[in-house]
Structure formats: structure tokens, C-alpha cells
């Protein structure tokens, strides 16, 4: 999903907080995810569609 929007969840795009959550916003979609490099996983925490 993010790749089709030109976003890489591993690039640190958007906002990062101490829990490691990353916010990626591409209007009208906002995705909060957590990247765990050593497990090679991306965990999607929240998806908001403003359309």
C-alpha cells in the first residue's frame, strides 16, 4: 500500500516518537506504523482515511 504511494516505511518519513511509531501522511491517507528492523517487519498501528 505505502509503496504504491511512493512511501518507504523504513525511511523515517514523517514524525517519529520514542515508541518508534512513524507517521506517514499522503493526503487523504495517514498511516502510523512501527518498523522492527531486526525482525524485518512493519507493524501497522493505525490507518486514517480522511476522504
Protein backbone atom coordinates (compact mmCIF):
# COMPACT_ATOMS: atom_id res chain seq x y z
CA UNK A 1 0.00 0.00 0.00
CA UNK A 2 2.67 2.54 1.00
CA UNK A 3 4.94 1.54 -1.86
CA UNK A 4 2.18 2.33 -4.36
CA UNK A 5 2.08 5.85 -2.85
CA UNK A 6 5.84 6.24 -3.19
CA UNK A 7 6.49 5.87 0.56
CA UNK A 8 9.07 3.62 2.21
CA UNK A 9 8.17 2.82 5.85
CA UNK A 10 11.85 2.32 6.61
CA UNK A 11 12.98 5.79 5.58
CA UNK A 12 11.76 7.59 8.71
CA UNK A 13 9.31 9.74 6.79
CA UNK A 14 7.07 11.96 8.81
CA UNK A 15 7.01 12.07 12.59
CA UNK A 16 8.91 9.72 14.90
CA UNK A 17 8.25 9.39 18.63
CA UNK A 18 10.04 7.49 21.44
CA UNK A 19 7.93 4.34 20.91
CA UNK A 20 9.25 4.10 17.37
CA UNK A 21 5.93 4.92 15.71
CA UNK A 22 6.24 6.63 12.36
CA UNK A 23 3.55 8.73 10.80
CA UNK A 24 3.32 8.79 7.04
CA UNK A 25 0.78 11.17 5.55
CA UNK A 26 -0.19 11.25 1.89
CA UNK A 27 -3.47 13.13 1.59
CA UNK A 28 -6.06 11.81 2.35
CA UNK A 29 -4.30 8.80 3.96
CA UNK A 30 -2.36 8.73 7.22
CA UNK A 31 -0.61 5.58 8.44
CA UNK A 32 1.08 5.07 11.81
CA UNK A 33 3.47 2.15 11.79
CA UNK A 34 6.36 0.68 13.74
CA UNK A 35 9.40 -0.71 11.92
CA UNK A 36 11.27 -3.54 13.64
CA UNK A 37 14.47 -3.91 11.63
CA UNK A 38 15.87 -6.99 13.30
CA UNK A 39 12.63 -8.89 12.70
CA UNK A 40 12.24 -7.46 9.18
CA UNK A 41 8.68 -6.44 9.99
CA UNK A 42 6.48 -3.38 9.69
CA UNK A 43 3.56 -3.32 12.12
CA UNK A 44 0.68 -1.05 11.11
CA UNK A 45 -0.79 0.51 14.24
CA UNK A 46 -3.40 2.84 12.81
CA UNK A 47 -4.79 3.88 9.42
CA UNK A 48 -6.83 7.06 8.99
CA UNK A 49 -8.63 7.88 5.75
CA UNK A 50 -9.86 11.47 5.51
CA UNK A 51 -11.74 11.09 2.25
